[in-house]
Protein backbone atom coordinates (compact mmCIF):
# COMPACT_ATOMS: atom_id res chain seq x y z
CA MET A 1 169.93 -120.43 151.69
CA GLY A 2 166.31 -121.03 152.58
CA VAL A 3 165.52 -122.04 148.99
CA ILE A 4 168.28 -124.63 149.00
CA ARG A 5 167.16 -126.02 152.36
CA ALA A 6 163.54 -126.20 151.15
CA TYR A 7 164.71 -128.13 148.07
CA GLN A 8 166.67 -130.55 150.28
CA LEU A 9 163.63 -131.21 152.48
CA THR A 10 161.02 -131.51 149.71
CA LEU A 11 162.04 -132.16 146.10
CA SER A 12 165.35 -133.90 146.74
CA GLY A 13 163.60 -136.93 148.21
CA PHE A 14 161.44 -137.35 145.11
CA ILE A 15 164.26 -136.88 142.61
CA GLY A 16 166.63 -139.22 144.40
CA ASN A 17 170.36 -139.10 144.96
CA SER A 18 171.57 -138.61 141.40
CA CYS A 19 174.32 -136.04 141.86
CA ARG A 20 177.69 -137.03 140.38
CA HIS A 21 179.72 -134.98 142.85
CA ILE A 22 180.63 -135.22 146.50
CA PRO A 23 179.20 -133.18 148.24
CA THR A 24 175.89 -133.05 146.38
CA CYS A 25 175.07 -129.89 144.44
CA SER A 26 172.59 -128.66 147.05
CA GLU A 27 175.08 -129.23 149.89
CA TYR A 28 177.75 -127.46 147.85
CA GLY A 29 175.43 -124.52 147.23
CA TYR A 30 174.45 -124.24 150.88
CA GLU A 31 178.09 -124.29 151.99
CA ALA A 32 179.25 -121.90 149.24
CA LEU A 33 176.60 -119.35 150.15
CA ALA A 34 177.36 -119.64 153.86
CA ARG A 35 181.12 -119.37 153.37
CA HIS A 36 181.47 -116.84 150.53
CA GLY A 37 178.22 -114.84 150.51
CA LEU A 38 175.43 -114.40 148.01
CA TRP A 39 177.39 -113.08 145.02
CA SER A 40 180.41 -115.40 145.03
CA GLY A 41 178.56 -118.38 146.48
CA GLY A 42 175.72 -117.92 144.02
CA TRP A 43 178.04 -117.97 141.01
CA MET A 44 179.91 -120.98 142.41
CA THR A 45 176.61 -122.83 142.88
CA LEU A 46 175.34 -121.94 139.41
CA PHE A 47 178.51 -123.19 137.72
CA ARG A 48 178.53 -126.33 139.89
CA VAL A 49 174.99 -127.24 138.83
CA ALA A 50 175.97 -126.61 135.21
CA ARG A 51 178.91 -129.03 135.55
CA CYS A 52 176.58 -131.74 136.86
CA GLY A 53 174.90 -132.31 133.49
CA PRO A 54 175.83 -134.82 130.79
CA GLY A 55 179.46 -134.53 129.80
CA GLY A 56 180.31 -132.66 132.99
CA THR A 57 182.69 -133.50 135.77
CA SER A 58 182.23 -135.93 138.64
CA GLY A 59 183.91 -136.90 141.88
CA LEU A 60 185.12 -134.94 144.89
CA ASP A 61 184.56 -131.19 144.44
CA PRO A 62 184.66 -129.37 147.81
CA VAL A 63 183.94 -125.67 148.34
CA PRO A 64 187.28 -123.83 148.53
CA GLU A 65 188.21 -122.45 151.95
CA GLN A 66 189.32 -119.12 150.45
CA LEU A 67 188.83 -117.66 147.02
CA GLY A 68 191.86 -116.98 144.87
CA GLU A 69 193.10 -113.48 144.19
CA ARG A 70 191.88 -113.66 140.56
CA LEU A 71 188.24 -114.08 141.61
CA HIS A 72 186.60 -110.67 141.68
CA TRP A 73 182.95 -109.62 141.74
CA TRP A 74 183.24 -107.98 138.32
CA ALA A 75 184.52 -111.21 136.67
CA PRO A 76 182.02 -113.96 137.57
CA TRP A 77 183.07 -116.17 134.63
CA ARG A 78 186.29 -116.98 136.51
CA TYR A 79 184.27 -118.95 139.06
CA LEU A 80 183.74 -121.56 136.33
CA ALA A 81 187.37 -122.71 136.73
CA LEU A 82 186.88 -123.68 140.40
CA GLY A 83 185.49 -127.12 139.62
CA ARG A 84 188.14 -128.19 137.15
CA LYS A 85 190.40 -130.93 138.32
CA ALA A 86 194.05 -130.17 139.04
CA GLU A 87 195.27 -132.17 136.04
CA GLU A 88 193.04 -130.16 133.67
CA ARG A 89 194.45 -126.78 134.73
């Protein structure tokens, strides 16, 4: 979480507010790590940053309060589905 906070305090100001999601990717990562731990929160953050590129999603994408029963440590690819909108599922 220290790396994310350091990014927010240093590089984020130079890059500008260009995130397409609410909350921003760094805020999402900080909250995901705090709420779900390093393994789950790390995968959630990685897939969120990947969705932020060209052709990705945009809009409101909050960190889930609880993880679904299908999300296990041995299946990190399932975290990719967290950011999909309800109509896409």
